[in-house]
């Protein structure tokens, strides 16, 4: 075994495939979407932790540490921005759904 253990790249979190339409969605559809978004949020957090560990593993003591950290930060920021955008869309549909009741 060498100094570097094989390390799989961190899997970029995937947003839920669709956001239900608040005008027509059933309550179970909205609940399922909320569950999917909670799981997605957890995946984004895990992605951040994975990137942090990957940075430590790959760049420990190297001159490229700052460059790697910058790249990992960009990856995480992209994931967080997508999460926030999708969550905003979902929350708007939740408001529409609740207004129906």
PDB file of N, CA and C in Angstrom:
ATOM      1  N   UNK A   1       0.859  -1.192   0.000  1.00  0.00           N
ATOM      2  CA  UNK A   1       0.000   0.000   0.000  1.00  0.00           C
ATOM      3  C   UNK A   1       0.890   1.234   0.000  1.00  0.00           C
ATOM      4  N   UNK A   2       0.608   2.145  -0.935  1.00  0.00           N
ATOM      5  CA  UNK A   2       1.383   3.376  -1.039  1.00  0.00           C
ATOM      6  C   UNK A   2       0.962   4.388   0.007  1.00  0.00           C
ATOM      7  N   UNK A   3       1.554   5.552  -0.088  1.00  0.00           N
ATOM      8  CA  UNK A   3       1.237   6.627   0.842  1.00  0.00           C
ATOM      9  C   UNK A   3      -0.186   7.139   0.651  1.00  0.00           C
ATOM     10  N   UNK A   4      -0.673   7.080  -0.580  1.00  0.00           N
ATOM     11  CA  UNK A   4      -1.994   7.618  -0.859  1.00  0.00           C
ATOM     12  C   UNK A   4      -2.993   6.492  -1.057  1.00  0.00           C
ATOM     13  N   UNK A   5      -3.985   6.446  -0.207  1.00  0.00           N
ATOM     14  CA  UNK A   5      -5.040   5.455  -0.357  1.00  0.00           C
ATOM     15  C   UNK A   5      -5.937   5.881  -1.512  1.00  0.00           C
ATOM     16  N   UNK A   6      -6.427   4.930  -2.287  1.00  0.00           N
ATOM     17  CA  UNK A   6      -7.332   5.319  -3.369  1.00  0.00           C
ATOM     18  C   UNK A   6      -8.568   5.998  -2.777  1.00  0.00           C
ATOM     19  N   UNK A   7      -8.975   7.088  -3.376  1.00  0.00           N
ATOM     20  CA  UNK A   7     -10.091   7.851  -2.841  1.00  0.00           C
ATOM     21  C   UNK A   7     -11.021   8.208  -3.989  1.00  0.00           C
ATOM     22  N   UNK A   8     -12.252   7.769  -3.890  1.00  0.00           N
ATOM     23  CA  UNK A   8     -13.225   8.098  -4.939  1.00  0.00           C
ATOM     24  C   UNK A   8     -13.544   9.581  -4.865  1.00  0.00           C
ATOM     25  N   UNK A   9     -13.719  10.192  -6.023  1.00  0.00           N
ATOM     26  CA  UNK A   9     -14.116  11.590  -6.032  1.00  0.00           C
ATOM     27  C   UNK A   9     -15.484  11.723  -5.382  1.00  0.00           C
ATOM     28  N   UNK A  10     -15.702  12.878  -4.794  1.00  0.00           N
ATOM     29  CA  UNK A  10     -16.980  13.143  -4.145  1.00  0.00           C
ATOM     30  C   UNK A  10     -18.075  13.235  -5.209  1.00  0.00           C
ATOM     31  N   UNK A  11     -19.164  12.562  -4.967  1.00  0.00           N
ATOM     32  CA  UNK A  11     -20.278  12.559  -5.920  1.00  0.00           C
ATOM     33  C   UNK A  11     -21.068  13.853  -5.789  1.00  0.00           C
ATOM     34  N   UNK A  12     -21.210  14.560  -6.914  1.00  0.00           N
ATOM     35  CA  UNK A  12     -21.964  15.813  -6.916  1.00  0.00           C
ATOM     36  C   UNK A  12     -23.429  15.496  -6.616  1.00  0.00           C
ATOM     37  N   UNK A  13     -24.018  16.189  -5.652  1.00  0.00           N
ATOM     38  CA  UNK A  13     -25.409  15.880  -5.280  1.00  0.00           C
ATOM     39  C   UNK A  13     -26.379  16.207  -6.413  1.00  0.00           C
ATOM     40  N   UNK A  14     -27.356  15.334  -6.582  1.00  0.00           N
ATOM     41  CA  UNK A  14     -28.354  15.540  -7.638  1.00  0.00           C
ATOM     42  C   UNK A  14     -29.634  16.110  -7.039  1.00  0.00           C
ATOM     43  N   UNK A  15     -30.112  17.177  -7.647  1.00  0.00           N
ATOM     44  CA  UNK A  15     -31.366  17.781  -7.211  1.00  0.00           C
ATOM     45  C   UNK A  15     -32.519  16.828  -7.511  1.00  0.00           C
ATOM     46  N   UNK A  16     -33.614  16.950  -6.754  1.00  0.00           N
ATOM     47  CA  UNK A  16     -34.792  16.147  -7.094  1.00  0.00           C
ATOM     48  C   UNK A  16     -35.167  16.364  -8.561  1.00  0.00           C
ATOM     49  N   UNK A  17     -35.609  15.312  -9.210  1.00  0.00           N
ATOM     50  CA  UNK A  17     -35.870  15.350 -10.646  1.00  0.00           C
ATOM     51  C   UNK A  17     -36.929  16.382 -11.024  1.00  0.00           C
ATOM     52  N   UNK A  18     -37.919  16.550 -10.163  1.00  0.00           N
ATOM     53  CA  UNK A  18     -38.971  17.509 -10.493  1.00  0.00           C
ATOM     54  C   UNK A  18     -39.526  18.133  -9.218  1.00  0.00           C
ATOM     55  N   UNK A  19     -40.136  19.274  -9.411  1.00  0.00           N
ATOM     56  CA  UNK A  19     -40.790  19.984  -8.320  1.00  0.00           C
ATOM     57  C   UNK A  19     -42.281  19.961  -8.632  1.00  0.00           C
ATOM     58  N   UNK A  20     -43.092  19.480  -7.686  1.00  0.00           N
ATOM     59  CA  UNK A  20     -44.526  19.401  -7.977  1.00  0.00           C
ATOM     60  C   UNK A  20     -45.132  20.803  -8.173  1.00  0.00           C
ATOM     61  N   UNK A  21     -46.152  20.862  -9.004  1.00  0.00           N
ATOM     62  CA  UNK A  21     -46.875  22.109  -9.242  1.00  0.00           C
ATOM     63  C   UNK A  21     -47.855  22.318  -8.090  1.00  0.00           C
ATOM     64  N   UNK A  22     -47.651  23.384  -7.349  1.00  0.00           N
ATOM     65  CA  UNK A  22     -48.492  23.656  -6.184  1.00  0.00           C
ATOM     66  C   UNK A  22     -49.965  23.822  -6.512  1.00  0.00           C
ATOM     67  N   UNK A  23     -50.281  24.157  -7.771  1.00  0.00           N
ATOM     68  CA  UNK A  23     -51.677  24.362  -8.171  1.00  0.00           C
ATOM     69  C   UNK A  23     -52.419  23.035  -8.303  1.00  0.00           C
ATOM     70  N   UNK A  24     -51.689  21.969  -8.643  1.00  0.00           N
ATOM     71  CA  UNK A  24     -52.356  20.705  -8.949  1.00  0.00           C
ATOM     72  C   UNK A  24     -51.872  19.520  -8.126  1.00  0.00           C
ATOM     73  N   UNK A  25     -50.767  19.657  -7.408  1.00  0.00           N
ATOM     74  CA  UNK A  25     -50.176  18.523  -6.687  1.00  0.00           C
ATOM     75  C   UNK A  25     -51.053  18.090  -5.519  1.00  0.00           C
ATOM     76  N   UNK A  26     -51.018  16.802  -5.238  1.00  0.00           N
ATOM     77  CA  UNK A  26     -51.718  16.268  -4.066  1.00  0.00           C
ATOM     78  C   UNK A  26     -50.834  16.464  -2.837  1.00  0.00           C
ATOM     79  N   UNK A  27     -51.435  16.337  -1.665  1.00  0.00           N
ATOM     80  CA  UNK A  27     -50.645  16.467  -0.431  1.00  0.00           C
ATOM     81  C   UNK A  27     -49.537  15.408  -0.374  1.00  0.00           C
ATOM     82  N   UNK A  28     -49.829  14.138  -0.722  1.00  0.00           N
ATOM     83  CA  UNK A  28     -48.739  13.143  -0.721  1.00  0.00           C
ATOM     84  C   UNK A  28     -47.593  13.522  -1.663  1.00  0.00           C
ATOM     85  N   UNK A  29     -47.923  14.132  -2.816  1.00  0.00           N
ATOM     86  CA  UNK A  29     -46.868  14.582  -3.737  1.00  0.00           C
ATOM     87  C   UNK A  29     -45.994  15.639  -3.079  1.00  0.00           C
ATOM     88  N   UNK A  30     -46.627  16.569  -2.378  1.00  0.00           N
ATOM     89  CA  UNK A  30     -45.877  17.650  -1.722  1.00  0.00           C
ATOM     90  C   UNK A  30     -45.018  17.093  -0.584  1.00  0.00           C
ATOM     91  N   UNK A  31     -45.563  16.151   0.161  1.00  0.00           N
ATOM     92  CA  UNK A  31     -44.811  15.536   1.262  1.00  0.00           C
ATOM     93  C   UNK A  31     -43.619  14.750   0.710  1.00  0.00           C
ATOM     94  N   UNK A  32     -43.842  14.018  -0.380  1.00  0.00           N
ATOM     95  CA  UNK A  32     -42.750  13.257  -0.999  1.00  0.00           C
ATOM     96  C   UNK A  32     -41.658  14.208  -1.495  1.00  0.00           C
ATOM     97  N   UNK A  33     -42.061  15.330  -2.077  1.00  0.00           N
ATOM     98  CA  UNK A  33     -41.079  16.308  -2.554  1.00  0.00           C
ATOM     99  C   UNK A  33     -40.303  16.909  -1.388  1.00  0.00           C
ATOM    100  N   UNK A  34     -40.991  17.176  -0.274  1.00  0.00           N
ATOM    101  CA  UNK A  34     -40.308  17.725   0.901  1.00  0.00           C
ATOM    102  C   UNK A  34     -39.280  16.720   1.422  1.00  0.00           C
ATOM    103  N   UNK A  35     -39.649  15.452   1.444  1.00  0.00           N
ATOM    104  CA  UNK A  35     -38.727  14.398   1.881  1.00  0.00           C
ATOM    105  C   UNK A  35     -37.517  14.340   0.947  1.00  0.00           C
ATOM    106  N   UNK A  36     -37.772  14.450  -0.353  1.00  0.00           N
ATOM    107  CA  UNK A  36     -36.680  14.427  -1.335  1.00  0.00           C
ATOM    108  C   UNK A  36     -35.754  15.631  -1.137  1.00  0.00           C
ATOM    109  N   UNK A  37     -36.334  16.789  -0.819  1.00  0.00           N
ATOM    110  CA  UNK A  37     -35.502  17.972  -0.608  1.00  0.00           C
ATOM    111  C   UNK A  37     -34.681  17.866   0.670  1.00  0.00           C
ATOM    112  N   UNK A  38     -35.233  17.257   1.696  1.00  0.00           N
ATOM    113  CA  UNK A  38     -34.459  17.055   2.933  1.00  0.00           C
ATOM    114  C   UNK A  38     -33.274  16.128   2.646  1.00  0.00           C
ATOM    115  N   UNK A  39     -33.506  15.080   1.859  1.00  0.00           N
ATOM    116  CA  UNK A  39     -32.428  14.161   1.496  1.00  0.00           C
ATOM    117  C   UNK A  39     -31.383  14.886   0.645  1.00  0.00           C
ATOM    118  N   UNK A  40     -31.845  15.713  -0.273  1.00  0.00           N
ATOM    119  CA  UNK A  40     -30.951  16.492  -1.140  1.00  0.00           C
ATOM    120  C   UNK A  40     -30.093  17.439  -0.313  1.00  0.00           C
ATOM    121  N   UNK A  41     -30.707  18.104   0.664  1.00  0.00           N
ATOM    122  CA  UNK A  41     -29.977  19.006   1.553  1.00  0.00           C
ATOM    123  C   UNK A  41     -28.882  18.232   2.300  1.00  0.00           C
ATOM    124  N   UNK A  42     -29.224  17.040   2.779  1.00  0.00           N
ATOM    125  CA  UNK A  42     -28.243  16.206   3.484  1.00  0.00           C
ATOM    126  C   UNK A  42     -27.108  15.794   2.539  1.00  0.00           C
ATOM    127  N   UNK A  43     -27.444  15.512   1.264  1.00  0.00           N
ATOM    128  CA  UNK A  43     -26.409  15.138   0.286  1.00  0.00           C
ATOM    129  C   UNK A  43     -25.450  16.297   0.025  1.00  0.00           C
ATOM    130  N   UNK A  44     -25.986  17.522  -0.030  1.00  0.00           N
ATOM    131  CA  UNK A  44     -25.124  18.691  -0.243  1.00  0.00           C
ATOM    132  C   UNK A  44     -24.178  18.859   0.950  1.00  0.00           C
ATOM    133  N   UNK A  45     -24.698  18.655   2.156  1.00  0.00           N
ATOM    134  CA  UNK A  45     -23.845  18.753   3.357  1.00  0.00           C
ATOM    135  C   UNK A  45     -22.769  17.669   3.338  1.00  0.00           C
ATOM    136  N   UNK A  46     -23.147  16.456   2.958  1.00  0.00           N
ATOM    137  CA  UNK A  46     -22.173  15.358   2.877  1.00  0.00           C
ATOM    138  C   UNK A  46     -21.127  15.636   1.807  1.00  0.00           C
ATOM    139  N   UNK A  47     -21.567  16.224   0.699  1.00  0.00           N
ATOM    140  CA  UNK A  47     -20.664  16.602  -0.387  1.00  0.00           C
ATOM    141  C   UNK A  47     -19.614  17.582   0.133  1.00  0.00           C
ATOM    142  N   UNK A  48     -20.053  18.558   0.916  1.00  0.00           N
ATOM    143  CA  UNK A  48     -19.122  19.527   1.501  1.00  0.00           C
ATOM    144  C   UNK A  48     -18.105  18.850   2.399  1.00  0.00           C
ATOM    145  N   UNK A  49     -18.570  17.926   3.234  1.00  0.00           N
ATOM    146  CA  UNK A  49     -17.670  17.200   4.131  1.00  0.00           C
ATOM    147  C   UNK A  49     -16.700  16.336   3.326  1.00  0.00           C
ATOM    148  N   UNK A  50     -17.193  15.710   2.266  1.00  0.00           N
ATOM    149  CA  UNK A  50     -16.352  14.873   1.407  1.00  0.00           C
ATOM    150  C   UNK A  50     -15.268  15.722   0.748  1.00  0.00           C
ATOM    151  N   UNK A  51     -15.655  16.892   0.221  1.00  0.00           N
ATOM    152  CA  UNK A  51     -14.670  17.768  -0.424  1.00  0.00           C
ATOM    153  C   UNK A  51     -13.587  18.199   0.567  1.00  0.00           C
ATOM    154  N   UNK A  52     -14.014  18.496   1.770  1.00  0.00           N
ATOM    155  CA  UNK A  52     -13.053  18.915   2.792  1.00  0.00           C
ATOM    156  C   UNK A  52     -12.051  17.792   3.078  1.00  0.00           C
ATOM    157  N   UNK A  53     -12.572  16.561   3.200  1.00  0.00           N
ATOM    158  CA  UNK A  53     -11.694  15.417   3.450  1.00  0.00           C
ATOM    159  C   UNK A  53     -10.799  15.151   2.251  1.00  0.00           C
ATOM    160  N   UNK A  54     -11.364  15.272   1.056  1.00  0.00           N
ATOM    161  CA  UNK A  54     -10.596  15.056  -0.165  1.00  0.00           C
ATOM    162  C   UNK A  54      -9.439  16.052  -0.246  1.00  0.00           C
ATOM    163  N   UNK A  55      -9.702  17.285   0.121  1.00  0.00           N
ATOM    164  CA  UNK A  55      -8.654  18.313   0.120  1.00  0.00           C
ATOM    165  C   UNK A  55      -7.540  17.923   1.080  1.00  0.00           C
ATOM    166  N   UNK A  56      -7.920  17.482   2.270  1.00  0.00           N
ATOM    167  CA  UNK A  56      -6.924  17.063   3.261  1.00  0.00           C
ATOM    168  C   UNK A  56      -6.112  15.872   2.749  1.00  0.00           C
ATOM    169  N   UNK A  57      -6.818  14.907   2.145  1.00  0.00           N
ATOM    170  CA  UNK A  57      -6.152  13.692   1.668  1.00  0.00           C
ATOM    171  C   UNK A  57      -5.197  13.973   0.509  1.00  0.00           C
ATOM    172  N   UNK A  58      -5.635  14.778  -0.430  1.00  0.00           N
ATOM    173  CA  UNK A  58      -4.867  14.995  -1.652  1.00  0.00           C
ATOM    174  C   UNK A  58      -3.763  16.026  -1.503  1.00  0.00           C
ATOM    175  N   UNK A  59      -3.961  16.996  -0.647  1.00  0.00           N
ATOM    176  CA  UNK A  59      -3.039  18.124  -0.651  1.00  0.00           C
ATOM    177  C   UNK A  59      -2.280  18.317   0.653  1.00  0.00           C
ATOM    178  N   UNK A  60      -2.317  17.342   1.500  1.00  0.00           N
ATOM    179  CA  UNK A  60      -1.631  17.494   2.783  1.00  0.00           C
ATOM    180  C   UNK A  60      -0.158  17.821   2.555  1.00  0.00           C
ATOM    181  N   UNK A  61       0.227  18.985   3.002  1.00  0.00           N
ATOM    182  CA  UNK A  61       1.629  19.383   2.918  1.00  0.00           C
ATOM    183  C   UNK A  61       2.118  19.751   1.532  1.00  0.00           C
ATOM    184  N   UNK A  62       1.239  19.930   0.576  1.00  0.00           N
ATOM    185  CA  UNK A  62       1.694  20.282  -0.766  1.00  0.00           C
ATOM    186  C   UNK A  62       1.514  21.772  -1.028  1.00  0.00           C
ATOM    187  N   UNK A  63       2.234  22.243  -2.015  1.00  0.00           N
ATOM    188  CA  UNK A  63       2.140  23.648  -2.388  1.00  0.00           C
ATOM    189  C   UNK A  63       0.817  23.947  -3.083  1.00  0.00           C
ATOM    190  N   UNK A  64       0.142  22.906  -3.539  1.00  0.00           N
ATOM    191  CA  UNK A  64      -1.104  23.112  -4.271  1.00  0.00           C
ATOM    192  C   UNK A  64      -2.330  23.183  -3.363  1.00  0.00           C
ATOM    193  N   UNK A  65      -2.115  23.223  -2.068  1.00  0.00           N
ATOM    194  CA  UNK A  65      -3.236  23.191  -1.130  1.00  0.00           C
ATOM    195  C   UNK A  65      -4.228  24.320  -1.395  1.00  0.00           C
ATOM    196  N   UNK A  66      -3.745  25.545  -1.540  1.00  0.00           N
ATOM    197  CA  UNK A  66      -4.652  26.675  -1.753  1.00  0.00           C
ATOM    198  C   UNK A  66      -5.411  26.531  -3.070  1.00  0.00           C
ATOM    199  N   UNK A  67      -4.722  26.078  -4.108  1.00  0.00           N
ATOM    200  CA  UNK A  67      -5.367  25.885  -5.406  1.00  0.00           C
ATOM    201  C   UNK A  67      -6.464  24.822  -5.302  1.00  0.00           C
ATOM    202  N   UNK A  68      -6.170  23.729  -4.622  1.00  0.00           N
ATOM    203  CA  UNK A  68      -7.151  22.667  -4.459  1.00  0.00           C
ATOM    204  C   UNK A  68      -8.321  23.156  -3.616  1.00  0.00           C
ATOM    205  N   UNK A  69      -8.037  23.877  -2.538  1.00  0.00           N
ATOM    206  CA  UNK A  69      -9.106  24.401  -1.689  1.00  0.00           C
ATOM    207  C   UNK A  69     -10.019  25.320  -2.493  1.00  0.00           C
ATOM    208  N   UNK A  70      -9.429  26.149  -3.338  1.00  0.00           N
ATOM    209  CA  UNK A  70     -10.220  27.068  -4.163  1.00  0.00           C
ATOM    210  C   UNK A  70     -11.139  26.289  -5.097  1.00  0.00           C
ATOM    211  N   UNK A  71     -10.598  25.244  -5.726  1.00  0.00           N
ATOM    212  CA  UNK A  71     -11.393  24.426  -6.646  1.00  0.00           C
ATOM    213  C   UNK A  71     -12.524  23.715  -5.888  1.00  0.00           C
ATOM    214  N   UNK A  72     -12.216  23.171  -4.722  1.00  0.00           N
ATOM    215  CA  UNK A  72     -13.231  22.465  -3.938  1.00  0.00           C
ATOM    216  C   UNK A  72     -14.306  23.439  -3.461  1.00  0.00           C
ATOM    217  N   UNK A  73     -13.901  24.650  -3.099  1.00  0.00           N
ATOM    218  CA  UNK A  73     -14.870  25.663  -2.666  1.00  0.00           C
ATOM    219  C   UNK A  73     -15.812  26.012  -3.802  1.00  0.00           C
ATOM    220  N   UNK A  74     -15.286  26.109  -5.016  1.00  0.00           N
ATOM    221  CA  UNK A  74     -16.134  26.407  -6.175  1.00  0.00           C
ATOM    222  C   UNK A  74     -17.148  25.285  -6.400  1.00  0.00           C
ATOM    223  N   UNK A  75     -16.701  24.031  -6.259  1.00  0.00           N
ATOM    224  CA  UNK A  75     -17.614  22.895  -6.421  1.00  0.00           C
ATOM    225  C   UNK A  75     -18.737  22.958  -5.380  1.00  0.00           C
ATOM    226  N   UNK A  76     -18.348  23.203  -4.121  1.00  0.00           N
ATOM    227  CA  UNK A  76     -19.341  23.255  -3.058  1.00  0.00           C
ATOM    228  C   UNK A  76     -20.287  24.436  -3.264  1.00  0.00           C
ATOM    229  N   UNK A  77     -19.747  25.587  -3.627  1.00  0.00           N
ATOM    230  CA  UNK A  77     -20.594  26.757  -3.856  1.00  0.00           C
ATOM    231  C   UNK A  77     -21.614  26.488  -4.954  1.00  0.00           C
ATOM    232  N   UNK A  78     -21.205  25.800  -6.010  1.00  0.00           N
ATOM    233  CA  UNK A  78     -22.121  25.465  -7.100  1.00  0.00           C
ATOM    234  C   UNK A  78     -23.248  24.565  -6.585  1.00  0.00           C
ATOM    235  N   UNK A  79     -22.894  23.587  -5.764  1.00  0.00           N
ATOM    236  CA  UNK A  79     -23.901  22.679  -5.210  1.00  0.00           C
ATOM    237  C   UNK A  79     -24.864  23.423  -4.291  1.00  0.00           C
ATOM    238  N   UNK A  80     -24.329  24.312  -3.459  1.00  0.00           N
ATOM    239  CA  UNK A  80     -25.166  25.071  -2.531  1.00  0.00           C
ATOM    240  C   UNK A  80     -26.079  26.027  -3.298  1.00  0.00           C
ATOM    241  N   UNK A  81     -25.548  26.686  -4.316  1.00  0.00           N
ATOM    242  CA  UNK A  81     -26.372  27.595  -5.118  1.00  0.00           C
ATOM    243  C   UNK A  81     -27.519  26.847  -5.795  1.00  0.00           C
ATOM    244  N   UNK A  82     -27.227  25.660  -6.318  1.00  0.00           N
ATOM    245  CA  UNK A  82     -28.278  24.871  -6.958  1.00  0.00           C
ATOM    246  C   UNK A  82     -29.327  24.462  -5.934  1.00  0.00           C
ATOM    247  N   UNK A  83     -28.876  24.037  -4.755  1.00  0.00           N
ATOM    248  CA  UNK A  83     -29.800  23.661  -3.683  1.00  0.00           C
ATOM    249  C   UNK A  83     -30.702  24.844  -3.339  1.00  0.00           C
ATOM    250  N   UNK A  84     -30.120  26.026  -3.150  1.00  0.00           N
ATOM    251  CA  UNK A  84     -30.899  27.193  -2.769  1.00  0.00           C
ATOM    252  C   UNK A  84     -31.900  27.566  -3.859  1.00  0.00           C
ATOM    253  N   UNK A  85     -31.474  27.478  -5.109  1.00  0.00           N
ATOM    254  CA  UNK A  85     -32.357  27.797  -6.229  1.00  0.00           C
ATOM    255  C   UNK A  85     -33.536  26.831  -6.289  1.00  0.00           C
ATOM    256  N   UNK A  86     -33.241  25.533  -6.182  1.00  0.00           N
ATOM    257  CA  UNK A  86     -34.303  24.523  -6.240  1.00  0.00           C
ATOM    258  C   UNK A  86     -35.221  24.638  -5.020  1.00  0.00           C
ATOM    259  N   UNK A  87     -34.648  24.911  -3.852  1.00  0.00           N
ATOM    260  CA  UNK A  87     -35.453  25.053  -2.641  1.00  0.00           C
ATOM    261  C   UNK A  87     -36.379  26.263  -2.757  1.00  0.00           C
ATOM    262  N   UNK A  88     -35.899  27.337  -3.357  1.00  0.00           N
ATOM    263  CA  UNK A  88     -36.729  28.527  -3.561  1.00  0.00           C
ATOM    264  C   UNK A  88     -37.917  28.192  -4.464  1.00  0.00           C
ATOM    265  N   UNK A  89     -37.650  27.459  -5.553  1.00  0.00           N
ATOM    266  CA  UNK A  89     -38.722  27.036  -6.459  1.00  0.00           C
ATOM    267  C   UNK A  89     -39.741  26.164  -5.722  1.00  0.00           C
ATOM    268  N   UNK A  90     -39.227  25.224  -4.927  1.00  0.00           N
ATOM    269  CA  UNK A  90     -40.113  24.323  -4.198  1.00  0.00           C
ATOM    270  C   UNK A  90     -40.942  25.092  -3.178  1.00  0.00           C
ATOM    271  N   UNK A  91     -40.300  25.992  -2.441  1.00  0.00           N
ATOM    272  CA  UNK A  91     -41.018  26.761  -1.428  1.00  0.00           C
ATOM    273  C   UNK A  91     -42.134  27.599  -2.053  1.00  0.00           C
ATOM    274  N   UNK A  92     -41.902  28.118  -3.247  1.00  0.00           N
ATOM    275  CA  UNK A  92     -42.944  28.874  -3.952  1.00  0.00           C
ATOM    276  C   UNK A  92     -44.136  27.957  -4.253  1.00  0.00           C
ATOM    277  N   UNK A  93     -43.856  26.723  -4.674  1.00  0.00           N
ATOM    278  CA  UNK A  93     -44.937  25.773  -4.964  1.00  0.00           C
ATOM    279  C   UNK A  93     -45.665  25.368  -3.674  1.00  0.00           C
ATOM    280  N   UNK A  94     -44.932  25.284  -2.563  1.00  0.00           N
ATOM    281  CA  UNK A  94     -45.564  24.989  -1.270  1.00  0.00           C
ATOM    282  C   UNK A  94     -46.535  26.110  -0.909  1.00  0.00           C
ATOM    283  N   UNK A  95     -46.119  27.372  -1.115  1.00  0.00           N
ATOM    284  CA  UNK A  95     -47.009  28.502  -0.814  1.00  0.00           C
ATOM    285  C   UNK A  95     -48.276  28.432  -1.672  1.00  0.00           C
ATOM    286  N   UNK A  96     -48.115  28.124  -2.940  1.00  0.00           N
ATOM    287  CA  UNK A  96     -49.268  27.995  -3.845  1.00  0.00           C
ATOM    288  C   UNK A  96     -50.169  26.858  -3.367  1.00  0.00           C
ATOM    289  N   UNK A  97     -49.548  25.735  -2.991  1.00  0.00           N
ATOM    290  CA  UNK A  97     -50.303  24.569  -2.519  1.00  0.00           C
ATOM    291  C   UNK A  97     -51.101  24.937  -1.263  1.00  0.00           C
ATOM    292  N   UNK A  98     -50.438  25.602  -0.302  1.00  0.00           N
ATOM    293  CA  UNK A  98     -51.120  25.948   0.954  1.00  0.00           C
ATOM    294  C   UNK A  98     -52.224  26.966   0.721  1.00  0.00           C
ATOM    295  N   UNK A  99     -52.061  27.840  -0.253  1.00  0.00           N
ATOM    296  CA  UNK A  99     -53.077  28.847  -0.555  1.00  0.00           C
ATOM    297  C   UNK A  99     -54.360  28.191  -1.094  1.00  0.00           C
ATOM    298  N   UNK A 100     -54.227  26.995  -1.653  1.00  0.00           N
ATOM    299  CA  UNK A 100     -55.398  26.281  -2.170  1.00  0.00           C
ATOM    300  C   UNK A 100     -56.332  25.855  -1.054  1.00  0.00           C
ATOM    301  N   UNK A 101     -55.706  25.507   0.103  1.00  0.00           N
ATOM    302  CA  UNK A 101     -56.471  24.949   1.202  1.00  0.00           C
ATOM    303  C   UNK A 101     -57.310  25.970   1.861  1.00  0.00           C
TER     304      UNK A 101
END
